[in-house]
PDB file of N, CA and C in Angstrom:
ATOM      1  N   MET A   1      94.285  95.469  93.336  1.00  0.00           N
ATOM      2  CA  MET A   1      93.029  95.436  94.050  1.00  0.00           C
ATOM      3  C   MET A   1      92.865  94.120  94.786  1.00  0.00           C
ATOM      4  N   HIS A   2      93.135  93.001  94.123  1.00  0.00           N
ATOM      5  CA  HIS A   2      92.932  91.700  94.765  1.00  0.00           C
ATOM      6  C   HIS A   2      93.835  91.531  95.983  1.00  0.00           C
ATOM      7  N   ALA A   3      95.025  92.119  95.946  1.00  0.00           N
ATOM      8  CA  ALA A   3      95.932  92.009  97.091  1.00  0.00           C
ATOM      9  C   ALA A   3      95.328  92.639  98.330  1.00  0.00           C
ATOM     10  N   ALA A   4      94.453  93.630  98.160  1.00  0.00           N
ATOM     11  CA  ALA A   4      93.815  94.288  99.300  1.00  0.00           C
ATOM     12  C   ALA A   4      92.871  93.351 100.025  1.00  0.00           C
ATOM     13  N   LEU A   5      92.496  92.251  99.402  1.00  0.00           N
ATOM     14  CA  LEU A   5      91.531  91.341 100.005  1.00  0.00           C
ATOM     15  C   LEU A   5      92.173  90.113 100.637  1.00  0.00           C
ATOM     16  N   TYR A   6      93.502  90.000 100.598  1.00  0.00           N
ATOM     17  CA  TYR A   6      94.152  88.833 101.178  1.00  0.00           C
ATOM     18  C   TYR A   6      94.027  88.777 102.692  1.00  0.00           C
ATOM     19  N   ARG A   7      94.042  89.923 103.345  1.00  0.00           N
ATOM     20  CA  ARG A   7      93.909  89.953 104.793  1.00  0.00           C
ATOM     21  C   ARG A   7      92.463  90.242 105.152  1.00  0.00           C
ATOM     22  N   PRO A   8      91.880  89.499 106.097  1.00  0.00           N
ATOM     23  CA  PRO A   8      90.499  89.780 106.516  1.00  0.00           C
ATOM     24  C   PRO A   8      90.395  91.194 107.072  1.00  0.00           C
ATOM     25  N   ALA A   9      89.349  91.886 106.692  1.00  0.00           N
ATOM     26  CA  ALA A   9      89.128  93.244 107.176  1.00  0.00           C
ATOM     27  C   ALA A   9      87.649  93.560 107.051  1.00  0.00           C
ATOM     28  N   GLY A  10      87.173  94.372 107.952  1.00  0.00           N
ATOM     29  CA  GLY A  10      85.794  94.835 107.881  1.00  0.00           C
ATOM     30  C   GLY A  10      85.645  95.896 106.808  1.00  0.00           C
ATOM     31  N   LEU A  11      84.414  96.285 106.549  1.00  0.00           N
ATOM     32  CA  LEU A  11      84.130  97.238 105.491  1.00  0.00           C
ATOM     33  C   LEU A  11      84.826  98.580 105.721  1.00  0.00           C
ATOM     34  N   GLY A  12      84.794  99.075 106.944  1.00  0.00           N
ATOM     35  CA  GLY A  12      85.443 100.356 107.239  1.00  0.00           C
ATOM     36  C   GLY A  12      86.914 100.335 106.901  1.00  0.00           C
ATOM     37  N   ARG A  13      87.580  99.263 107.250  1.00  0.00           N
ATOM     38  CA  ARG A  13      89.012  99.126 106.967  1.00  0.00           C
ATOM     39  C   ARG A  13      89.255  99.016 105.467  1.00  0.00           C
ATOM     40  N   LEU A  14      88.391  98.249 104.765  1.00  0.00           N
ATOM     41  CA  LEU A  14      88.547  98.118 103.312  1.00  0.00           C
ATOM     42  C   LEU A  14      88.381  99.462 102.604  1.00  0.00           C
ATOM     43  N   LEU A  15      87.402 100.255 103.065  1.00  0.00           N
ATOM     44  CA  LEU A  15      87.141 101.533 102.403  1.00  0.00           C
ATOM     45  C   LEU A  15      88.248 102.552 102.635  1.00  0.00           C
ATOM     46  N   GLU A  16      89.145 102.290 103.574  1.00  0.00           N
ATOM     47  CA  GLU A  16      90.301 103.162 103.772  1.00  0.00           C
ATOM     48  C   GLU A  16      91.336 102.954 102.677  1.00  0.00           C
ATOM     49  N   ARG A  17      91.249 101.852 101.963  1.00  0.00           N
ATOM     50  CA  ARG A  17      92.234 101.516 100.929  1.00  0.00           C
ATOM     51  C   ARG A  17      91.844 102.155  99.596  1.00  0.00           C
ATOM     52  N   GLN A  18      92.771 102.930  99.043  1.00  0.00           N
ATOM     53  CA  GLN A  18      92.520 103.663  97.796  1.00  0.00           C
ATOM     54  C   GLN A  18      92.121 102.726  96.657  1.00  0.00           C
ATOM     55  N   ALA A  19      92.777 101.581  96.542  1.00  0.00           N
ATOM     56  CA  ALA A  19      92.455 100.656  95.451  1.00  0.00           C
ATOM     57  C   ALA A  19      91.026 100.153  95.566  1.00  0.00           C
ATOM     58  N   VAL A  20      90.563  99.911  96.769  1.00  0.00           N
ATOM     59  CA  VAL A  20      89.198  99.437  96.977  1.00  0.00           C
ATOM     60  C   VAL A  20      88.202 100.550  96.642  1.00  0.00           C
ATOM     61  N   ARG A  21      88.474 101.777  97.108  1.00  0.00           N
ATOM     62  CA  ARG A  21      87.570 102.900  96.793  1.00  0.00           C
ATOM     63  C   ARG A  21      87.489 103.138  95.288  1.00  0.00           C
ATOM     64  N   ALA A  22      88.628 103.045  94.602  1.00  0.00           N
ATOM     65  CA  ALA A  22      88.636 103.252  93.150  1.00  0.00           C
ATOM     66  C   ALA A  22      87.845 102.157  92.435  1.00  0.00           C
ATOM     67  N   ALA A  23      88.026 100.912  92.869  1.00  0.00           N
ATOM     68  CA  ALA A  23      87.290  99.802  92.253  1.00  0.00           C
ATOM     69  C   ALA A  23      85.794  99.946  92.481  1.00  0.00           C
ATOM     70  N   LEU A  24      85.394 100.358  93.689  1.00  0.00           N
ATOM     71  CA  LEU A  24      83.969 100.568  93.971  1.00  0.00           C
ATOM     72  C   LEU A  24      83.393 101.702  93.136  1.00  0.00           C
ATOM     73  N   ALA A  25      84.152 102.783  92.971  1.00  0.00           N
ATOM     74  CA  ALA A  25      83.684 103.907  92.157  1.00  0.00           C
ATOM     75  C   ALA A  25      83.486 103.471  90.706  1.00  0.00           C
ATOM     76  N   GLU A  26      84.415 102.682  90.193  1.00  0.00           N
ATOM     77  CA  GLU A  26      84.301 102.178  88.819  1.00  0.00           C
ATOM     78  C   GLU A  26      83.095 101.251  88.681  1.00  0.00           C
ATOM     79  N   LEU A  27      82.919 100.356  89.643  1.00  0.00           N
ATOM     80  CA  LEU A  27      81.780  99.442  89.626  1.00  0.00           C
ATOM     81  C   LEU A  27      80.469 100.210  89.718  1.00  0.00           C
ATOM     82  N   ARG A  28      80.404 101.185  90.621  1.00  0.00           N
ATOM     83  CA  ARG A  28      79.194 101.997  90.799  1.00  0.00           C
ATOM     84  C   ARG A  28      78.848 102.734  89.503  1.00  0.00           C
ATOM     85  N   ALA A  29      79.850 103.334  88.855  1.00  0.00           N
ATOM     86  CA  ALA A  29      79.603 104.070  87.616  1.00  0.00           C
ATOM     87  C   ALA A  29      79.061 103.143  86.525  1.00  0.00           C
ATOM     88  N   GLY A  30      79.616 101.941  86.437  1.00  0.00           N
ATOM     89  CA  GLY A  30      79.135 100.975  85.450  1.00  0.00           C
ATOM     90  C   GLY A  30      77.700 100.542  85.718  1.00  0.00           C
ATOM     91  N   LEU A  31      77.378 100.324  86.994  1.00  0.00           N
ATOM     92  CA  LEU A  31      76.018  99.914  87.357  1.00  0.00           C
ATOM     93  C   LEU A  31      75.008 101.029  87.090  1.00  0.00           C
ATOM     94  N   VAL A  32      75.381 102.265  87.384  1.00  0.00           N
ATOM     95  CA  VAL A  32      74.489 103.394  87.109  1.00  0.00           C
ATOM     96  C   VAL A  32      74.282 103.523  85.603  1.00  0.00           C
ATOM     97  N   ALA A  33      75.367 103.418  84.832  1.00  0.00           N
ATOM     98  CA  ALA A  33      75.271 103.542  83.372  1.00  0.00           C
ATOM     99  C   ALA A  33      74.400 102.437  82.778  1.00  0.00           C
ATOM    100  N   ALA A  34      74.453 101.241  83.369  1.00  0.00           N
ATOM    101  CA  ALA A  34      73.656 100.116  82.865  1.00  0.00           C
ATOM    102  C   ALA A  34      72.212 100.165  83.356  1.00  0.00           C
ATOM    103  N   GLY A  35      71.923 101.105  84.266  1.00  0.00           N
ATOM    104  CA  GLY A  35      70.567 101.216  84.791  1.00  0.00           C
ATOM    105  C   GLY A  35      70.268 100.257  85.923  1.00  0.00           C
ATOM    106  N   TRP A  36      71.284  99.626  86.485  1.00  0.00           N
ATOM    107  CA  TRP A  36      71.102  98.662  87.568  1.00  0.00           C
ATOM    108  C   TRP A  36      71.176  99.305  88.945  1.00  0.00           C
ATOM    109  N   LEU A  37      71.618 100.533  89.000  1.00  0.00           N
ATOM    110  CA  LEU A  37      71.761 101.220  90.277  1.00  0.00           C
ATOM    111  C   LEU A  37      71.313 102.652  90.089  1.00  0.00           C
ATOM    112  N   ARG A  38      70.443 103.085  90.978  1.00  0.00           N
ATOM    113  CA  ARG A  38      70.017 104.485  90.936  1.00  0.00           C
ATOM    114  C   ARG A  38      71.011 105.312  91.706  1.00  0.00           C
ATOM    115  N   ALA A  39      71.344 106.447  91.156  1.00  0.00           N
ATOM    116  CA  ALA A  39      72.226 107.377  91.855  1.00  0.00           C
ATOM    117  C   ALA A  39      71.349 108.311  92.671  1.00  0.00           C
ATOM    118  N   PHE A  40      71.408 108.175  93.984  1.00  0.00           N
ATOM    119  CA  PHE A  40      70.614 109.032  94.853  1.00  0.00           C
ATOM    120  C   PHE A  40      71.346 110.340  95.073  1.00  0.00           C
ATOM    121  N   PRO A  41      70.642 111.465  94.955  1.00  0.00           N
ATOM    122  CA  PRO A  41      71.283 112.751  95.235  1.00  0.00           C
ATOM    123  C   PRO A  41      71.719 112.810  96.701  1.00  0.00           C
ATOM    124  N   PRO A  42      72.802 113.525  96.987  1.00  0.00           N
ATOM    125  CA  PRO A  42      73.242 113.651  98.384  1.00  0.00           C
ATOM    126  C   PRO A  42      72.128 114.228  99.249  1.00  0.00           C
ATOM    127  N   GLY A  43      72.037 113.748 100.467  1.00  0.00           N
ATOM    128  CA  GLY A  43      71.037 114.253 101.394  1.00  0.00           C
ATOM    129  C   GLY A  43      69.680 113.593 101.275  1.00  0.00           C
ATOM    130  N   ARG A  44      69.531 112.640 100.403  1.00  0.00           N
ATOM    131  CA  ARG A  44      68.250 111.958 100.212  1.00  0.00           C
ATOM    132  C   ARG A  44      68.238 110.599 100.898  1.00  0.00           C
ATOM    133  N   THR A  45      68.884 110.475 102.010  1.00  0.00           N
ATOM    134  CA  THR A  45      68.991 109.176 102.653  1.00  0.00           C
ATOM    135  C   THR A  45      67.644 108.642 103.102  1.00  0.00           C
ATOM    136  N   GLY A  46      66.705 109.503 103.456  1.00  0.00           N
ATOM    137  CA  GLY A  46      65.369 109.043 103.838  1.00  0.00           C
ATOM    138  C   GLY A  46      64.688 108.328 102.682  1.00  0.00           C
ATOM    139  N   ALA A  47      64.788 108.897 101.494  1.00  0.00           N
ATOM    140  CA  ALA A  47      64.199 108.263 100.316  1.00  0.00           C
ATOM    141  C   ALA A  47      64.900 106.944 100.005  1.00  0.00           C
ATOM    142  N   ALA A  48      66.207 106.919 100.184  1.00  0.00           N
ATOM    143  CA  ALA A  48      66.948 105.681  99.935  1.00  0.00           C
ATOM    144  C   ALA A  48      66.535 104.598 100.927  1.00  0.00           C
ATOM    145  N   ARG A  49      66.370 104.963 102.187  1.00  0.00           N
ATOM    146  CA  ARG A  49      65.950 103.980 103.189  1.00  0.00           C
ATOM    147  C   ARG A  49      64.550 103.455 102.891  1.00  0.00           C
ATOM    148  N   ARG A  50      63.658 104.333 102.463  1.00  0.00           N
ATOM    149  CA  ARG A  50      62.304 103.886 102.119  1.00  0.00           C
ATOM    150  C   ARG A  50      62.331 102.945 100.917  1.00  0.00           C
ATOM    151  N   SER A  51      63.129 103.282  99.912  1.00  0.00           N
ATOM    152  CA  SER A  51      63.242 102.412  98.734  1.00  0.00           C
ATOM    153  C   SER A  51      63.798 101.050  99.117  1.00  0.00           C
ATOM    154  N   LEU A  52      64.828 101.044  99.963  1.00  0.00           N
ATOM    155  CA  LEU A  52      65.413  99.792 100.399  1.00  0.00           C
ATOM    156  C   LEU A  52      64.405  98.973 101.205  1.00  0.00           C
ATOM    157  N   LYS A  53      63.654  99.627 102.060  1.00  0.00           N
ATOM    158  CA  LYS A  53      62.645  98.934 102.857  1.00  0.00           C
ATOM    159  C   LYS A  53      61.605  98.273 101.949  1.00  0.00           C
ATOM    160  N   GLN A  54      61.174  98.981 100.914  1.00  0.00           N
ATOM    161  CA  GLN A  54      60.212  98.422  99.968  1.00  0.00           C
ATOM    162  C   GLN A  54      60.797  97.224  99.221  1.00  0.00           C
ATOM    163  N   LEU A  55      62.050  97.350  98.789  1.00  0.00           N
ATOM    164  CA  LEU A  55      62.698  96.242  98.085  1.00  0.00           C
ATOM    165  C   LEU A  55      62.845  95.022  98.986  1.00  0.00           C
ATOM    166  N   ARG A  56      63.218  95.250 100.242  1.00  0.00           N
ATOM    167  CA  ARG A  56      63.340  94.130 101.178  1.00  0.00           C
ATOM    168  C   ARG A  56      61.987  93.490 101.451  1.00  0.00           C
ATOM    169  N   TYR A  57      60.933  94.280 101.483  1.00  0.00           N
ATOM    170  CA  TYR A  57      59.588  93.729 101.688  1.00  0.00           C
ATOM    171  C   TYR A  57      59.202  92.828 100.509  1.00  0.00           C
ATOM    172  N   ARG A  58      59.495  93.299  99.288  1.00  0.00           N
ATOM    173  CA  ARG A  58      59.151  92.528  98.089  1.00  0.00           C
ATOM    174  C   ARG A  58      60.062  91.321  97.884  1.00  0.00           C
ATOM    175  N   HIS A  59      61.265  91.373  98.447  1.00  0.00           N
ATOM    176  CA  HIS A  59      62.243  90.300  98.269  1.00  0.00           C
ATOM    177  C   HIS A  59      62.810  89.905  99.635  1.00  0.00           C
ATOM    178  N   PRO A  60      62.068  89.108 100.423  1.00  0.00           N
ATOM    179  CA  PRO A  60      62.565  88.712 101.746  1.00  0.00           C
ATOM    180  C   PRO A  60      63.836  87.868 101.638  1.00  0.00           C
ATOM    181  N   LEU A  61      64.623  87.894 102.690  1.00  0.00           N
ATOM    182  CA  LEU A  61      65.864  87.127 102.729  1.00  0.00           C
ATOM    183  C   LEU A  61      65.548  85.634 102.738  1.00  0.00           C
ATOM    184  N   PRO A  62      66.027  84.888 101.734  1.00  0.00           N
ATOM    185  CA  PRO A  62      65.794  83.439 101.719  1.00  0.00           C
ATOM    186  C   PRO A  62      66.542  82.764 102.871  1.00  0.00           C
ATOM    187  N   ALA A  63      66.000  81.669 103.365  1.00  0.00           N
ATOM    188  CA  ALA A  63      66.635  80.934 104.458  1.00  0.00           C
ATOM    189  C   ALA A  63      67.876  80.191 103.983  1.00  0.00           C
ATOM    190  N   ASP A  64      67.854  79.719 102.725  1.00  0.00           N
ATOM    191  CA  ASP A  64      69.016  79.039 102.162  1.00  0.00           C
ATOM    192  C   ASP A  64      68.999  79.220 100.650  1.00  0.00           C
ATOM    193  N   ARG A  65      70.006  78.712  99.988  1.00  0.00           N
ATOM    194  CA  ARG A  65      70.147  78.942  98.549  1.00  0.00           C
ATOM    195  C   ARG A  65      69.478  77.884  97.680  1.00  0.00           C
ATOM    196  N   ALA A  66      68.835  76.917  98.281  1.00  0.00           N
ATOM    197  CA  ALA A  66      68.186  75.838  97.521  1.00  0.00           C
ATOM    198  C   ALA A  66      67.176  76.417  96.533  1.00  0.00           C
ATOM    199  N   GLY A  67      67.350  76.084  95.264  1.00  0.00           N
ATOM    200  CA  GLY A  67      66.425  76.500  94.223  1.00  0.00           C
ATOM    201  C   GLY A  67      66.601  77.935  93.740  1.00  0.00           C
ATOM    202  N   LEU A  68      67.553  78.675  94.298  1.00  0.00           N
ATOM    203  CA  LEU A  68      67.751  80.068  93.880  1.00  0.00           C
ATOM    204  C   LEU A  68      68.667  80.137  92.672  1.00  0.00           C
ATOM    205  N   GLN A  69      68.367  81.066  91.791  1.00  0.00           N
ATOM    206  CA  GLN A  69      69.245  81.331  90.662  1.00  0.00           C
ATOM    207  C   GLN A  69      70.300  82.345  91.109  1.00  0.00           C
ATOM    208  N   ALA A  70      71.380  82.446  90.350  1.00  0.00           N
ATOM    209  CA  ALA A  70      72.484  83.342  90.703  1.00  0.00           C
ATOM    210  C   ALA A  70      72.001  84.784  90.891  1.00  0.00           C
ATOM    211  N   GLU A  71      71.089  85.228  90.032  1.00  0.00           N
ATOM    212  CA  GLU A  71      70.590  86.606  90.129  1.00  0.00           C
ATOM    213  C   GLU A  71      69.849  86.844  91.443  1.00  0.00           C
ATOM    214  N   GLU A  72      69.131  85.823  91.907  1.00  0.00           N
ATOM    215  CA  GLU A  72      68.396  85.947  93.169  1.00  0.00           C
ATOM    216  C   GLU A  72      69.351  86.009  94.354  1.00  0.00           C
ATOM    217  N   ILE A  73      70.425  85.258  94.286  1.00  0.00           N
ATOM    218  CA  ILE A  73      71.432  85.300  95.343  1.00  0.00           C
ATOM    219  C   ILE A  73      72.102  86.673  95.368  1.00  0.00           C
ATOM    220  N   LEU A  74      72.461  87.178  94.199  1.00  0.00           N
ATOM    221  CA  LEU A  74      73.095  88.499  94.119  1.00  0.00           C
ATOM    222  C   LEU A  74      72.167  89.595  94.639  1.00  0.00           C
ATOM    223  N   LEU A  75      70.896  89.514  94.309  1.00  0.00           N
ATOM    224  CA  LEU A  75      69.946  90.505  94.797  1.00  0.00           C
ATOM    225  C   LEU A  75      69.850  90.444  96.318  1.00  0.00           C
ATOM    226  N   ALA A  76      69.794  89.244  96.870  1.00  0.00           N
ATOM    227  CA  ALA A  76      69.728  89.097  98.329  1.00  0.00           C
ATOM    228  C   ALA A  76      70.964  89.694  98.994  1.00  0.00           C
ATOM    229  N   VAL A  77      72.134  89.464  98.418  1.00  0.00           N
ATOM    230  CA  VAL A  77      73.364  90.032  98.987  1.00  0.00           C
ATOM    231  C   VAL A  77      73.340  91.552  98.874  1.00  0.00           C
ATOM    232  N   ALA A  78      72.845  92.076  97.765  1.00  0.00           N
ATOM    233  CA  ALA A  78      72.760  93.536  97.614  1.00  0.00           C
ATOM    234  C   ALA A  78      71.813  94.147  98.635  1.00  0.00           C
ATOM    235  N   LEU A  79      70.725  93.452  98.932  1.00  0.00           N
ATOM    236  CA  LEU A  79      69.728  93.992  99.854  1.00  0.00           C
ATOM    237  C   LEU A  79      70.058  93.746 101.320  1.00  0.00           C
ATOM    238  N   TYR A  80      70.722  92.634 101.625  1.00  0.00           N
ATOM    239  CA  TYR A  80      70.903  92.238 103.024  1.00  0.00           C
ATOM    240  C   TYR A  80      72.356  92.134 103.477  1.00  0.00           C
ATOM    241  N   GLY A  81      73.309  92.266 102.568  1.00  0.00           N
ATOM    242  CA  GLY A  81      74.716  92.278 102.949  1.00  0.00           C
ATOM    243  C   GLY A  81      75.181  91.009 103.641  1.00  0.00           C
ATOM    244  N   ASP A  82      75.850  91.179 104.787  1.00  0.00           N
ATOM    245  CA  ASP A  82      76.449  90.064 105.524  1.00  0.00           C
ATOM    246  C   ASP A  82      75.461  88.966 105.864  1.00  0.00           C
ATOM    247  N   ARG A  83      74.241  89.359 106.235  1.00  0.00           N
ATOM    248  CA  ARG A  83      73.250  88.339 106.599  1.00  0.00           C
ATOM    249  C   ARG A  83      73.001  87.401 105.435  1.00  0.00           C
ATOM    250  N   ALA A  84      72.881  87.933 104.226  1.00  0.00           N
ATOM    251  CA  ALA A  84      72.648  87.089 103.055  1.00  0.00           C
ATOM    252  C   ALA A  84      73.873  86.247 102.739  1.00  0.00           C
ATOM    253  N   LEU A  85      75.057  86.841 102.822  1.00  0.00           N
ATOM    254  CA  LEU A  85      76.268  86.065 102.564  1.00  0.00           C
ATOM    255  C   LEU A  85      76.393  84.907 103.539  1.00  0.00           C
ATOM    256  N   THR A  86      76.130  85.169 104.797  1.00  0.00           N
ATOM    257  CA  THR A  86      76.238  84.122 105.807  1.00  0.00           C
ATOM    258  C   THR A  86      75.211  83.020 105.570  1.00  0.00           C
ATOM    259  N   ALA A  87      74.002  83.385 105.158  1.00  0.00           N
ATOM    260  CA  ALA A  87      72.949  82.391 104.939  1.00  0.00           C
ATOM    261  C   ALA A  87      73.105  81.656 103.609  1.00  0.00           C
ATOM    262  N   LEU A  88      73.527  82.369 102.564  1.00  0.00           N
ATOM    263  CA  LEU A  88      73.500  81.794 101.219  1.00  0.00           C
ATOM    264  C   LEU A  88      74.855  81.330 100.700  1.00  0.00           C
ATOM    265  N   ALA A  89      75.923  81.867 101.260  1.00  0.00           N
ATOM    266  CA  ALA A  89      77.275  81.484 100.835  1.00  0.00           C
ATOM    267  C   ALA A  89      78.189  81.450 102.053  1.00  0.00           C
ATOM    268  N   PRO A  90      77.876  80.591 103.030  1.00  0.00           N
ATOM    269  CA  PRO A  90      78.621  80.625 104.291  1.00  0.00           C
ATOM    270  C   PRO A  90      80.112  80.324 104.153  1.00  0.00           C
ATOM    271  N   ARG A  91      80.465  79.370 103.297  1.00  0.00           N
ATOM    272  CA  ARG A  91      81.897  79.077 103.123  1.00  0.00           C
ATOM    273  C   ARG A  91      82.628  80.239 102.492  1.00  0.00           C
ATOM    274  N   PHE A  92      82.014  80.849 101.474  1.00  0.00           N
ATOM    275  CA  PHE A  92      82.629  82.018 100.846  1.00  0.00           C
ATOM    276  C   PHE A  92      82.807  83.138 101.865  1.00  0.00           C
ATOM    277  N   ALA A  93      81.760  83.422 102.636  1.00  0.00           N
ATOM    278  CA  ALA A  93      81.828  84.498 103.631  1.00  0.00           C
ATOM    279  C   ALA A  93      82.924  84.230 104.649  1.00  0.00           C
ATOM    280  N   ARG A  94      83.011  82.992 105.108  1.00  0.00           N
ATOM    281  CA  ARG A  94      84.041  82.627 106.095  1.00  0.00           C
ATOM    282  C   ARG A  94      85.430  82.706 105.476  1.00  0.00           C
ATOM    283  N   ASP A  95      85.614  82.091 104.297  1.00  0.00           N
ATOM    284  CA  ASP A  95      86.934  82.052 103.664  1.00  0.00           C
ATOM    285  C   ASP A  95      87.408  83.436 103.235  1.00  0.00           C
ATOM    286  N   ALA A  96      86.471  84.324 102.924  1.00  0.00           N
ATOM    287  CA  ALA A  96      86.829  85.687 102.522  1.00  0.00           C
ATOM    288  C   ALA A  96      87.090  86.585 103.722  1.00  0.00           C
ATOM    289  N   GLY A  97      86.862  86.063 104.934  1.00  0.00           N
ATOM    290  CA  GLY A  97      87.107  86.853 106.129  1.00  0.00           C
ATOM    291  C   GLY A  97      85.992  87.824 106.436  1.00  0.00           C
ATOM    292  N   LEU A  98      84.825  87.597 105.860  1.00  0.00           N
ATOM    293  CA  LEU A  98      83.705  88.518 106.079  1.00  0.00           C
ATOM    294  C   LEU A  98      82.949  88.216 107.357  1.00  0.00           C
ATOM    295  N   THR A  99      83.136  87.027 107.896  1.00  0.00           N
ATOM    296  CA  THR A  99      82.506  86.647 109.164  1.00  0.00           C
ATOM    297  C   THR A  99      83.560  85.978 110.023  1.00  0.00           C
ATOM    298  N   GLY A 100      83.225  85.726 111.256  1.00  0.00           N
ATOM    299  CA  GLY A 100      84.163  85.059 112.146  1.00  0.00           C
ATOM    300  C   GLY A 100      85.284  85.977 112.581  1.00  0.00           C
ATOM    301  N   ARG A 101      86.518  85.457 112.669  1.00  0.00           N
ATOM    302  CA  ARG A 101      87.639  86.241 113.178  1.00  0.00           C
ATOM    303  C   ARG A 101      87.961  87.443 112.307  1.00  0.00           C
ATOM    304  N   GLY A 102      87.674  87.377 111.004  1.00  0.00           N
ATOM    305  CA  GLY A 102      87.949  88.498 110.116  1.00  0.00           C
ATOM    306  C   GLY A 102      87.048  89.673 110.385  1.00  0.00           C
ATOM    307  N   GLY A 103      85.950  89.447 111.042  1.00  0.00           N
ATOM    308  CA  GLY A 103      85.064  90.522 111.422  1.00  0.00           C
ATOM    309  C   GLY A 103      83.954  90.729 110.432  1.00  0.00           C
ATOM    310  N   SER A 104      82.774  90.785 110.936  1.00  0.00           N
ATOM    311  CA  SER A 104      81.618  91.091 110.123  1.00  0.00           C
ATOM    312  C   SER A 104      81.501  92.597 110.007  1.00  0.00           C
ATOM    313  N   THR A 105      81.184  93.084 108.842  1.00  0.00           N
ATOM    314  CA  THR A 105      81.004  94.524 108.689  1.00  0.00           C
ATOM    315  C   THR A 105      79.843  95.007 109.533  1.00  0.00           C
ATOM    316  N   GLU A 106      78.887  94.120 109.793  1.00  0.00           N
ATOM    317  CA  GLU A 106      77.757  94.521 110.622  1.00  0.00           C
ATOM    318  C   GLU A 106      78.187  94.775 112.058  1.00  0.00           C
ATOM    319  N   ARG A 107      79.217  94.074 112.539  1.00  0.00           N
ATOM    320  CA  ARG A 107      79.705  94.339 113.886  1.00  0.00           C
ATOM    321  C   ARG A 107      80.442  95.662 113.939  1.00  0.00           C
ATOM    322  N   GLU A 108      81.151  96.013 112.874  1.00  0.00           N
ATOM    323  CA  GLU A 108      81.908  97.262 112.876  1.00  0.00           C
ATOM    324  C   GLU A 108      81.017  98.476 112.711  1.00  0.00           C
ATOM    325  N   SER A 109      79.947  98.347 111.945  1.00  0.00           N
ATOM    326  CA  SER A 109      79.057  99.463 111.674  1.00  0.00           C
ATOM    327  C   SER A 109      77.634  99.050 111.988  1.00  0.00           C
ATOM    328  N   PRO A 110      77.227  99.103 113.249  1.00  0.00           N
ATOM    329  CA  PRO A 110      75.884  98.646 113.595  1.00  0.00           C
ATOM    330  C   PRO A 110      74.826  99.335 112.752  1.00  0.00           C
ATOM    331  N   GLY A 111      73.900  98.546 112.220  1.00  0.00           N
ATOM    332  CA  GLY A 111      72.797  99.088 111.450  1.00  0.00           C
ATOM    333  C   GLY A 111      73.103  99.270 109.985  1.00  0.00           C
ATOM    334  N   LEU A 112      74.356  99.099 109.581  1.00  0.00           N
ATOM    335  CA  LEU A 112      74.702  99.292 108.181  1.00  0.00           C
ATOM    336  C   LEU A 112      75.177  97.990 107.582  1.00  0.00           C
ATOM    337  N   SER A 113      74.767  97.737 106.341  1.00  0.00           N
ATOM    338  CA  SER A 113      75.279  96.569 105.651  1.00  0.00           C
ATOM    339  C   SER A 113      76.224  96.983 104.538  1.00  0.00           C
ATOM    340  N   CYS A 114      76.462  98.253 104.418  1.00  0.00           N
ATOM    341  CA  CYS A 114      77.411  98.767 103.454  1.00  0.00           C
ATOM    342  C   CYS A 114      77.885 100.103 103.967  1.00  0.00           C
ATOM    343  N   GLY A 115      78.943 100.631 103.418  1.00  0.00           N
ATOM    344  CA  GLY A 115      79.546 101.837 103.974  1.00  0.00           C
ATOM    345  C   GLY A 115      78.741 103.084 103.720  1.00  0.00           C
ATOM    346  N   SER A 116      78.618 103.908 104.727  1.00  0.00           N
ATOM    347  CA  SER A 116      78.039 105.220 104.528  1.00  0.00           C
ATOM    348  C   SER A 116      79.192 106.174 104.371  1.00  0.00           C
ATOM    349  N   GLY A 117      78.969 107.288 103.725  1.00  0.00           N
ATOM    350  CA  GLY A 117      80.029 108.241 103.499  1.00  0.00           C
ATOM    351  C   GLY A 117      80.876 107.894 102.291  1.00  0.00           C
ATOM    352  N   SER A 118      80.581 106.782 101.632  1.00  0.00           N
ATOM    353  CA  SER A 118      81.356 106.390 100.464  1.00  0.00           C
ATOM    354  C   SER A 118      80.673 106.859  99.185  1.00  0.00           C
ATOM    355  N   GLY A 119      79.562 107.589  99.331  1.00  0.00           N
ATOM    356  CA  GLY A 119      78.820 108.006  98.163  1.00  0.00           C
ATOM    357  C   GLY A 119      77.852 106.938  97.705  1.00  0.00           C
ATOM    358  N   MET A 120      77.775 105.856  98.451  1.00  0.00           N
ATOM    359  CA  MET A 120      76.931 104.732  98.074  1.00  0.00           C
ATOM    360  C   MET A 120      76.267 104.227  99.351  1.00  0.00           C
ATOM    361  N   SER A 121      75.014 103.918  99.265  1.00  0.00           N
ATOM    362  CA  SER A 121      74.317 103.353 100.415  1.00  0.00           C
ATOM    363  C   SER A 121      73.739 102.025 100.016  1.00  0.00           C
ATOM    364  N   CYS A 122      74.330 100.960 100.532  1.00  0.00           N
ATOM    365  CA  CYS A 122      73.866  99.626 100.165  1.00  0.00           C
ATOM    366  C   CYS A 122      72.759  99.148 101.066  1.00  0.00           C
ATOM    367  N   GLY A 123      72.655  99.701 102.241  1.00  0.00           N
ATOM    368  CA  GLY A 123      71.562  99.232 103.080  1.00  0.00           C
ATOM    369  C   GLY A 123      71.685  99.599 104.518  1.00  0.00           C
ATOM    370  N   VAL A 124      70.568  99.916 105.087  1.00  0.00           N
ATOM    371  CA  VAL A 124      70.477 100.168 106.516  1.00  0.00           C
ATOM    372  C   VAL A 124      69.631  99.068 107.095  1.00  0.00           C
ATOM    373  N   ALA A 125      70.168  98.402 108.088  1.00  0.00           N
ATOM    374  CA  ALA A 125      69.444  97.264 108.682  1.00  0.00           C
ATOM    375  C   ALA A 125      68.257  97.738 109.474  1.00  0.00           C
TER     376      ALA A 125
END
């Protein structure tokens, strides 16, 4: 799985890799089992977008990471994707190839901060 991340790639390209899809499925199942992620039934994207909008309203994107705890940073990344990574962990985002020449997933999939069609919806901008 880690070898799949050595070359910079956008989200669409990463999701084409079987090892990445399998790792995401395992992570998703663990999060659902722990109660940290709701499993939305297929076709309920409107409800998911409304829930995400409410969460973003209650938890606005911080301008920087000063004074934030790790959980707050993780929540911001879950809600805002690339924008949060760029604002809160710019070196990590750059070094991981998530921004700059490696390509931002937001540039590849306008309006999405996570892959659609993967059975998981992380966010619609």
